[in-house]
Amino acid sequence: MKPFRNYSLSEYSRVLSLKIPAPGGGSAAAATAALGAALLSMVANYSIGKSSNEQKIKASLKQSEQLRKRFLQLVDLDAQAYLNVVKTRKASPAKRAAARRKATEVPLEICKLCYKAVQLSPTLVRYGNKYLISDVKVALELLLAAFNAAKLNVEINQ
C-alpha cells in the first residue's frame, strides 16, 4: 500500500471516508497543516523578486517547504500510531496506555509545527506580495484548524 501522502486528494478523501480506523482525524490534521504551509510557500514564491527583503522571503520559503514536507510525513505517521493503538485494544492496560501515550507524539508534533508555520506569517505579510495577504490569512486558518484538531488528539490519547 502506498503512503497516504502520495494519494491524490480525491483518493485520500475517499479513504478517509471509509469505515476503517486509519487514516482519521490526526492524519487529516496533518494534511490540513500541509495545505496551510503550502499556501505560505506560494506567497513566498510569488514574492521572490518583488520583495524589499529577499533574504527574509527566501528564508520563509525554505522553512515553509520543510514544514510542508514534514506535515505530509505526519499524515502517515499519525495513521500508523493510531493503528498501533487499535492493535493493543485487547492487550494489558499498561500496553494500551503505552500505545496511547505514543500516539500523542505525532499530534503533539503537528501542534508544535503549526506554531512554527504561523510564525512565518508576519514576514510574509510585511514583505510579501500585497495581493496575496488573503492567502496568508487562509493559511493561518488552516494551520489553526490543524493545531486544534491535533490538540484534540493529544487530549484524547492521554
N, C-alpha and C. Protein backbone atom coordinates (compact mmCIF):
# COMPACT_ATOMS: atom_id res chain seq x y z
N MET A 1 0.84 -1.19 0.00
CA MET A 1 0.00 0.00 0.00
C MET A 1 0.88 1.25 0.00
N LYS A 2 0.59 2.19 -0.88
CA LYS A 2 1.39 3.40 -0.93
C LYS A 2 1.02 4.32 0.23
N PRO A 3 1.96 5.17 0.64
CA PRO A 3 1.68 6.10 1.74
C PRO A 3 0.51 7.02 1.42
N PHE A 4 -0.27 7.37 2.43
CA PHE A 4 -1.40 8.27 2.22
C PHE A 4 -0.96 9.60 1.63
N ARG A 5 0.23 10.06 1.99
CA ARG A 5 0.70 11.35 1.49
C ARG A 5 0.89 11.34 -0.03
N ASN A 6 0.96 10.14 -0.62
CA ASN A 6 1.12 10.03 -2.07
C ASN A 6 -0.21 9.81 -2.79
N TYR A 7 -1.30 9.76 -2.04
CA TYR A 7 -2.61 9.63 -2.66
C TYR A 7 -3.00 10.96 -3.30
N SER A 8 -3.83 10.90 -4.31
CA SER A 8 -4.42 12.13 -4.83
C SER A 8 -5.38 12.64 -3.76
N LEU A 9 -5.74 13.88 -3.85
CA LEU A 9 -6.70 14.46 -2.91
C LEU A 9 -8.01 13.68 -2.95
N SER A 10 -8.42 13.30 -4.14
CA SER A 10 -9.65 12.52 -4.31
C SER A 10 -9.53 11.16 -3.62
N GLU A 11 -8.41 10.47 -3.84
CA GLU A 11 -8.20 9.16 -3.21
C GLU A 11 -8.15 9.28 -1.69
N TYR A 12 -7.40 10.26 -1.20
CA TYR A 12 -7.24 10.41 0.25
C TYR A 12 -8.59 10.69 0.91
N SER A 13 -9.37 11.59 0.34
CA SER A 13 -10.66 11.91 0.95
C SER A 13 -11.61 10.71 0.89
N ARG A 14 -11.50 9.89 -0.16
CA ARG A 14 -12.33 8.68 -0.25
C ARG A 14 -11.93 7.69 0.85
N VAL A 15 -10.64 7.46 1.02
CA VAL A 15 -10.16 6.52 2.05
C VAL A 15 -10.51 7.05 3.44
N LEU A 16 -10.39 8.34 3.61
CA LEU A 16 -10.72 8.96 4.90
C LEU A 16 -12.20 8.73 5.24
N SER A 17 -13.04 8.61 4.25
CA SER A 17 -14.48 8.45 4.47
C SER A 17 -14.89 7.01 4.79
N LEU A 18 -13.98 6.05 4.62
CA LEU A 18 -14.33 4.65 4.80
C LEU A 18 -14.44 4.26 6.28
N LYS A 19 -15.08 3.14 6.51
CA LYS A 19 -15.23 2.60 7.87
C LYS A 19 -13.98 1.77 8.19
N ILE A 20 -12.86 2.48 8.35
CA ILE A 20 -11.59 1.86 8.72
C ILE A 20 -10.93 2.78 9.76
N PRO A 21 -10.09 2.22 10.63
CA PRO A 21 -9.54 3.03 11.72
C PRO A 21 -8.58 4.14 11.30
N ALA A 22 -7.92 3.98 10.19
CA ALA A 22 -6.94 4.99 9.78
C ALA A 22 -6.88 5.04 8.27
N PRO A 23 -6.75 6.22 7.71
CA PRO A 23 -6.47 7.50 8.35
C PRO A 23 -7.71 8.03 9.06
N GLY A 24 -7.46 8.92 9.99
CA GLY A 24 -8.53 9.55 10.75
C GLY A 24 -8.23 11.01 10.98
N GLY A 25 -8.73 11.52 12.09
CA GLY A 25 -8.64 12.94 12.39
C GLY A 25 -7.22 13.48 12.50
N GLY A 26 -6.32 12.70 13.08
CA GLY A 26 -4.94 13.17 13.22
C GLY A 26 -4.24 13.28 11.87
N SER A 27 -4.49 12.29 11.04
CA SER A 27 -3.92 12.31 9.69
C SER A 27 -4.50 13.49 8.89
N ALA A 28 -5.80 13.71 9.05
CA ALA A 28 -6.44 14.84 8.37
C ALA A 28 -5.89 16.17 8.89
N ALA A 29 -5.58 16.23 10.18
CA ALA A 29 -4.98 17.45 10.74
C ALA A 29 -3.63 17.72 10.09
N ALA A 30 -2.83 16.69 9.92
CA ALA A 30 -1.52 16.85 9.28
C ALA A 30 -1.67 17.29 7.83
N ALA A 31 -2.65 16.72 7.13
CA ALA A 31 -2.89 17.09 5.73
C ALA A 31 -3.35 18.55 5.64
N THR A 32 -4.18 18.96 6.56
CA THR A 32 -4.65 20.35 6.60
C THR A 32 -3.48 21.30 6.85
N ALA A 33 -2.61 20.92 7.78
CA ALA A 33 -1.43 21.75 8.06
C ALA A 33 -0.52 21.83 6.84
N ALA A 34 -0.40 20.73 6.10
CA ALA A 34 0.42 20.75 4.89
C ALA A 34 -0.14 21.74 3.87
N LEU A 35 -1.46 21.82 3.78
CA LEU A 35 -2.07 22.79 2.87
C LEU A 35 -1.80 24.22 3.33
N GLY A 36 -1.86 24.45 4.62
CA GLY A 36 -1.54 25.77 5.14
C GLY A 36 -0.11 26.16 4.85
N ALA A 37 0.82 25.24 5.09
CA ALA A 37 2.23 25.52 4.80
C ALA A 37 2.44 25.73 3.31
N ALA A 38 1.72 24.98 2.48
CA ALA A 38 1.84 25.15 1.02
C ALA A 38 1.40 26.55 0.59
N LEU A 39 0.36 27.06 1.19
CA LEU A 39 -0.07 28.42 0.86
C LEU A 39 0.98 29.45 1.26
N LEU A 40 1.62 29.24 2.40
CA LEU A 40 2.71 30.15 2.79
C LEU A 40 3.84 30.10 1.76
N SER A 41 4.14 28.90 1.29
CA SER A 41 5.17 28.75 0.26
C SER A 41 4.77 29.46 -1.02
N MET A 42 3.50 29.34 -1.39
CA MET A 42 3.03 30.00 -2.60
C MET A 42 3.22 31.51 -2.50
N VAL A 43 2.85 32.08 -1.37
CA VAL A 43 3.01 33.52 -1.17
C VAL A 43 4.48 33.90 -1.27
N ALA A 44 5.34 33.11 -0.65
CA ALA A 44 6.79 33.40 -0.71
C ALA A 44 7.29 33.29 -2.15
N ASN A 45 6.87 32.28 -2.88
CA ASN A 45 7.30 32.11 -4.26
C ASN A 45 6.87 33.29 -5.13
N TYR A 46 5.65 33.78 -4.94
CA TYR A 46 5.18 34.94 -5.70
C TYR A 46 5.93 36.22 -5.31
N SER A 47 6.47 36.23 -4.11
CA SER A 47 7.11 37.45 -3.59
C SER A 47 8.59 37.56 -3.94
N ILE A 48 9.20 36.44 -4.28
CA ILE A 48 10.63 36.46 -4.63
C ILE A 48 10.80 37.28 -5.90
N GLY A 49 11.74 38.21 -5.85
CA GLY A 49 11.98 39.10 -6.97
C GLY A 49 11.18 40.38 -6.92
N LYS A 50 10.24 40.44 -5.96
CA LYS A 50 9.39 41.63 -5.85
C LYS A 50 9.37 42.16 -4.43
N SER A 51 10.24 41.65 -3.60
CA SER A 51 10.20 41.98 -2.18
C SER A 51 11.29 42.98 -1.80
N SER A 52 11.00 43.77 -0.78
CA SER A 52 12.00 44.69 -0.25
C SER A 52 12.99 43.96 0.65
N ASN A 53 12.71 42.70 0.97
CA ASN A 53 13.63 41.92 1.80
C ASN A 53 13.67 40.47 1.31
N GLU A 54 14.42 40.27 0.23
CA GLU A 54 14.52 38.96 -0.41
C GLU A 54 14.98 37.86 0.55
N GLN A 55 15.96 38.18 1.38
CA GLN A 55 16.54 37.16 2.27
C GLN A 55 15.48 36.62 3.22
N LYS A 56 14.66 37.49 3.77
CA LYS A 56 13.62 37.04 4.70
C LYS A 56 12.57 36.20 3.98
N ILE A 57 12.22 36.61 2.77
CA ILE A 57 11.24 35.84 1.99
C ILE A 57 11.81 34.47 1.65
N LYS A 58 13.06 34.43 1.20
CA LYS A 58 13.68 33.14 0.86
C LYS A 58 13.79 32.24 2.08
N ALA A 59 14.12 32.81 3.23
CA ALA A 59 14.20 32.03 4.47
C ALA A 59 12.81 31.49 4.84
N SER A 60 11.78 32.31 4.66
CA SER A 60 10.41 31.86 4.93
C SER A 60 10.01 30.73 4.00
N LEU A 61 10.39 30.85 2.73
CA LEU A 61 10.09 29.80 1.77
C LEU A 61 10.78 28.49 2.16
N LYS A 62 12.04 28.58 2.51
CA LYS A 62 12.78 27.37 2.90
C LYS A 62 12.10 26.69 4.09
N GLN A 63 11.72 27.48 5.08
CA GLN A 63 11.11 26.91 6.27
C GLN A 63 9.71 26.38 5.98
N SER A 64 8.92 27.11 5.21
CA SER A 64 7.56 26.63 4.92
C SER A 64 7.60 25.33 4.12
N GLU A 65 8.58 25.19 3.24
CA GLU A 65 8.70 23.95 2.48
C GLU A 65 9.14 22.78 3.37
N GLN A 66 10.04 23.05 4.29
CA GLN A 66 10.43 21.99 5.24
C GLN A 66 9.22 21.56 6.07
N LEU A 67 8.45 22.52 6.52
CA LEU A 67 7.26 22.20 7.31
C LEU A 67 6.23 21.44 6.48
N ARG A 68 6.00 21.89 5.25
CA ARG A 68 5.03 21.21 4.38
C ARG A 68 5.39 19.74 4.20
N LYS A 69 6.66 19.49 3.93
CA LYS A 69 7.12 18.11 3.72
C LYS A 69 6.99 17.28 4.99
N ARG A 70 7.30 17.87 6.15
CA ARG A 70 7.16 17.13 7.40
C ARG A 70 5.70 16.85 7.71
N PHE A 71 4.82 17.83 7.47
CA PHE A 71 3.40 17.59 7.70
C PHE A 71 2.91 16.41 6.85
N LEU A 72 3.39 16.32 5.62
CA LEU A 72 2.99 15.20 4.76
C LEU A 72 3.47 13.87 5.33
N GLN A 73 4.66 13.84 5.90
CA GLN A 73 5.13 12.62 6.56
C GLN A 73 4.24 12.27 7.75
N LEU A 74 3.80 13.30 8.45
CA LEU A 74 2.97 13.07 9.64
C LEU A 74 1.58 12.55 9.29
N VAL A 75 1.12 12.77 8.06
CA VAL A 75 -0.14 12.19 7.61
C VAL A 75 -0.09 10.67 7.81
N ASP A 76 1.02 10.07 7.43
CA ASP A 76 1.17 8.62 7.54
C ASP A 76 1.58 8.19 8.95
N LEU A 77 2.44 8.96 9.58
CA LEU A 77 2.89 8.58 10.92
C LEU A 77 1.75 8.58 11.92
N ASP A 78 0.82 9.51 11.76
CA ASP A 78 -0.33 9.51 12.65
C ASP A 78 -1.19 8.27 12.44
N ALA A 79 -1.42 7.92 11.19
CA ALA A 79 -2.22 6.73 10.89
C ALA A 79 -1.56 5.48 11.49
N GLN A 80 -0.25 5.37 11.35
CA GLN A 80 0.47 4.23 11.92
C GLN A 80 0.36 4.20 13.44
N ALA A 81 0.50 5.35 14.07
CA ALA A 81 0.41 5.42 15.53
C ALA A 81 -0.97 4.99 16.01
N TYR A 82 -2.01 5.42 15.31
CA TYR A 82 -3.35 5.04 15.73
C TYR A 82 -3.60 3.55 15.49
N LEU A 83 -3.09 3.02 14.40
CA LEU A 83 -3.25 1.57 14.18
C LEU A 83 -2.59 0.77 15.30
N ASN A 84 -1.50 1.28 15.85
CA ASN A 84 -0.87 0.61 17.00
C ASN A 84 -1.78 0.66 18.22
N VAL A 85 -2.51 1.74 18.40
CA VAL A 85 -3.48 1.82 19.50
C VAL A 85 -4.56 0.77 19.30
N VAL A 86 -5.06 0.65 18.08
CA VAL A 86 -6.10 -0.32 17.78
C VAL A 86 -5.61 -1.74 18.06
N LYS A 87 -4.36 -2.03 17.71
CA LYS A 87 -3.80 -3.37 17.92
C LYS A 87 -3.71 -3.75 19.39
N THR A 88 -3.64 -2.76 20.27
CA THR A 88 -3.47 -3.05 21.70
C THR A 88 -4.79 -3.06 22.46
N ARG A 89 -5.90 -2.99 21.79
CA ARG A 89 -7.19 -2.92 22.49
C ARG A 89 -7.45 -4.12 23.39
N LYS A 90 -6.92 -5.27 23.04
CA LYS A 90 -7.13 -6.47 23.88
C LYS A 90 -5.90 -6.80 24.71
N ALA A 91 -4.93 -5.91 24.70
CA ALA A 91 -3.70 -6.12 25.46
C ALA A 91 -3.90 -5.65 26.91
N SER A 92 -2.86 -5.77 27.67
CA SER A 92 -2.91 -5.34 29.07
C SER A 92 -3.14 -3.84 29.16
N PRO A 93 -3.69 -3.38 30.28
CA PRO A 93 -3.89 -1.93 30.44
C PRO A 93 -2.59 -1.14 30.28
N ALA A 94 -1.49 -1.69 30.72
CA ALA A 94 -0.20 -0.99 30.60
C ALA A 94 0.19 -0.83 29.14
N LYS A 95 -0.02 -1.87 28.33
CA LYS A 95 0.33 -1.80 26.90
C LYS A 95 -0.61 -0.83 26.17
N ARG A 96 -1.88 -0.85 26.55
CA ARG A 96 -2.83 0.08 25.93
C ARG A 96 -2.45 1.52 26.25
N ALA A 97 -2.12 1.76 27.50
CA ALA A 97 -1.74 3.12 27.91
C ALA A 97 -0.46 3.57 27.21
N ALA A 98 0.49 2.66 27.06
CA ALA A 98 1.75 2.99 26.38
C ALA A 98 1.49 3.34 24.91
N ALA A 99 0.62 2.58 24.27
CA ALA A 99 0.30 2.86 22.86
C ALA A 99 -0.41 4.20 22.72
N ARG A 100 -1.30 4.51 23.65
CA ARG A 100 -1.99 5.81 23.61
C ARG A 100 -1.01 6.95 23.83
N ARG A 101 -0.10 6.78 24.79
CA ARG A 101 0.90 7.83 25.02
C ARG A 101 1.76 8.03 23.78
N LYS A 102 2.17 6.94 23.16
CA LYS A 102 2.98 7.02 21.94
C LYS A 102 2.19 7.72 20.83
N ALA A 103 0.90 7.48 20.79
CA ALA A 103 0.05 8.08 19.75
C ALA A 103 -0.10 9.58 19.94
N THR A 104 0.24 10.11 21.12
CA THR A 104 0.17 11.56 21.31
C THR A 104 1.36 12.27 20.69
N GLU A 105 2.42 11.55 20.40
CA GLU A 105 3.64 12.19 19.90
C GLU A 105 3.43 12.88 18.55
N VAL A 106 2.73 12.22 17.64
CA VAL A 106 2.54 12.80 16.31
C VAL A 106 1.65 14.05 16.37
N PRO A 107 0.48 13.98 16.99
CA PRO A 107 -0.32 15.21 17.03
C PRO A 107 0.36 16.33 17.83
N LEU A 108 1.15 15.97 18.82
CA LEU A 108 1.89 17.00 19.54
C LEU A 108 2.90 17.68 18.62
N GLU A 109 3.55 16.89 17.77
CA GLU A 109 4.47 17.48 16.80
C GLU A 109 3.72 18.36 15.80
N ILE A 110 2.54 17.93 15.39
CA ILE A 110 1.74 18.74 14.48
C ILE A 110 1.45 20.10 15.12
N CYS A 111 1.08 20.09 16.39
CA CYS A 111 0.81 21.36 17.11
C CYS A 111 2.05 22.25 17.10
N LYS A 112 3.17 21.69 17.44
CA LYS A 112 4.41 22.49 17.50
C LYS A 112 4.77 23.05 16.14
N LEU A 113 4.62 22.24 15.11
CA LEU A 113 4.99 22.70 13.77
C LEU A 113 3.99 23.72 13.22
N CYS A 114 2.72 23.58 13.60
CA CYS A 114 1.74 24.60 13.20
C CYS A 114 2.13 25.94 13.79
N TYR A 115 2.56 25.93 15.03
CA TYR A 115 3.01 27.17 15.68
C TYR A 115 4.18 27.78 14.92
N LYS A 116 5.14 26.93 14.54
CA LYS A 116 6.29 27.43 13.76
C LYS A 116 5.84 28.02 12.43
N ALA A 117 4.89 27.36 11.78
CA ALA A 117 4.41 27.85 10.48
C ALA A 117 3.71 29.20 10.63
N VAL A 118 2.90 29.33 11.67
CA VAL A 118 2.20 30.59 11.90
C VAL A 118 3.20 31.73 12.09
N GLN A 119 4.32 31.45 12.69
CA GLN A 119 5.33 32.48 12.93
C GLN A 119 5.94 33.02 11.64
N LEU A 120 5.74 32.35 10.52
CA LEU A 120 6.24 32.85 9.24
C LEU A 120 5.35 33.95 8.66
N SER A 121 4.13 34.02 9.12
CA SER A 121 3.17 34.94 8.51
C SER A 121 3.52 36.42 8.64
N PRO A 122 4.04 36.91 9.76
CA PRO A 122 4.35 38.35 9.80
C PRO A 122 5.34 38.79 8.72
N THR A 123 6.34 37.96 8.47
CA THR A 123 7.31 38.29 7.42
C THR A 123 6.64 38.34 6.05
N LEU A 124 5.76 37.37 5.80
CA LEU A 124 5.08 37.33 4.50
C LEU A 124 4.09 38.47 4.34
N VAL A 125 3.46 38.86 5.42
CA VAL A 125 2.54 40.00 5.35
C VAL A 125 3.32 41.30 5.15
N ARG A 126 4.42 41.42 5.83
CA ARG A 126 5.20 42.68 5.75
C ARG A 126 5.95 42.82 4.43
N TYR A 127 6.60 41.74 3.99
CA TYR A 127 7.49 41.82 2.82
C TYR A 127 6.95 41.10 1.58
N GLY A 128 5.88 40.35 1.75
CA GLY A 128 5.37 39.56 0.64
C GLY A 128 4.49 40.35 -0.30
N ASN A 129 4.05 39.68 -1.33
CA ASN A 129 3.17 40.27 -2.34
C ASN A 129 1.87 40.71 -1.67
N LYS A 130 1.57 41.98 -1.74
CA LYS A 130 0.40 42.54 -1.04
C LYS A 130 -0.92 41.99 -1.56
N TYR A 131 -0.92 41.47 -2.77
CA TYR A 131 -2.14 40.91 -3.34
C TYR A 131 -2.44 39.51 -2.82
N LEU A 132 -1.52 38.97 -2.03
CA LEU A 132 -1.69 37.60 -1.53
C LEU A 132 -1.89 37.54 -0.02
N ILE A 133 -2.21 38.67 0.58
CA ILE A 133 -2.46 38.70 2.03
C ILE A 133 -3.61 37.76 2.40
N SER A 134 -4.61 37.68 1.55
CA SER A 134 -5.74 36.78 1.84
C SER A 134 -5.27 35.33 1.87
N ASP A 135 -4.28 34.97 1.06
CA ASP A 135 -3.75 33.61 1.06
C ASP A 135 -3.00 33.32 2.37
N VAL A 136 -2.32 34.33 2.88
CA VAL A 136 -1.67 34.17 4.19
C VAL A 136 -2.74 33.94 5.25
N LYS A 137 -3.83 34.69 5.18
CA LYS A 137 -4.92 34.54 6.15
C LYS A 137 -5.56 33.16 6.05
N VAL A 138 -5.76 32.67 4.84
CA VAL A 138 -6.32 31.33 4.67
C VAL A 138 -5.34 30.29 5.25
N ALA A 139 -4.05 30.48 5.00
CA ALA A 139 -3.04 29.58 5.56
C ALA A 139 -3.14 29.56 7.08
N LEU A 140 -3.30 30.73 7.67
CA LEU A 140 -3.42 30.81 9.14
C LEU A 140 -4.66 30.07 9.64
N GLU A 141 -5.77 30.20 8.92
CA GLU A 141 -6.99 29.49 9.32
C GLU A 141 -6.79 27.97 9.23
N LEU A 142 -6.14 27.52 8.18
CA LEU A 142 -5.87 26.08 8.04
C LEU A 142 -4.93 25.59 9.13
N LEU A 143 -3.91 26.36 9.42
CA LEU A 143 -2.96 25.98 10.47
C LEU A 143 -3.62 25.98 11.85
N LEU A 144 -4.50 26.93 12.09
CA LEU A 144 -5.23 26.96 13.36
C LEU A 144 -6.15 25.74 13.48
N ALA A 145 -6.85 25.42 12.40
CA ALA A 145 -7.72 24.24 12.40
C ALA A 145 -6.90 22.97 12.64
N ALA A 146 -5.76 22.87 11.98
CA ALA A 146 -4.90 21.69 12.15
C ALA A 146 -4.37 21.63 13.58
N PHE A 147 -3.96 22.77 14.13
CA PHE A 147 -3.47 22.82 15.51
C PHE A 147 -4.56 22.31 16.47
N ASN A 148 -5.77 22.86 16.33
CA ASN A 148 -6.86 22.48 17.23
C ASN A 148 -7.24 21.02 17.08
N ALA A 149 -7.25 20.51 15.86
CA ALA A 149 -7.57 19.10 15.63
C ALA A 149 -6.50 18.20 16.25
N ALA A 150 -5.25 18.56 16.05
CA ALA A 150 -4.16 17.77 16.63
C ALA A 150 -4.20 17.83 18.16
N LYS A 151 -4.51 18.99 18.69
CA LYS A 151 -4.60 19.16 20.15
C LYS A 151 -5.69 18.23 20.71
N LEU A 152 -6.80 18.11 20.02
CA LEU A 152 -7.85 17.19 20.46
C LEU A 152 -7.33 15.75 20.52
N ASN A 153 -6.52 15.38 19.53
CA ASN A 153 -5.96 14.03 19.53
C ASN A 153 -4.97 13.83 20.67
N VAL A 154 -4.22 14.84 21.00
CA VAL A 154 -3.30 14.74 22.15
C VAL A 154 -4.13 14.51 23.41
N GLU A 155 -5.17 15.30 23.58
CA GLU A 155 -6.01 15.21 24.78
C GLU A 155 -6.69 13.86 24.90
N ILE A 156 -7.22 13.35 23.81
CA ILE A 156 -7.97 12.09 23.85
C ILE A 156 -7.07 10.89 24.12
N ASN A 157 -5.81 10.98 23.70
CA ASN A 157 -4.91 9.83 23.85
C ASN A 157 -4.13 9.83 25.16
N GLN A 158 -4.34 10.82 26.00
CA GLN A 158 -3.60 10.85 27.26
C GLN A 158 -4.23 9.94 28.28
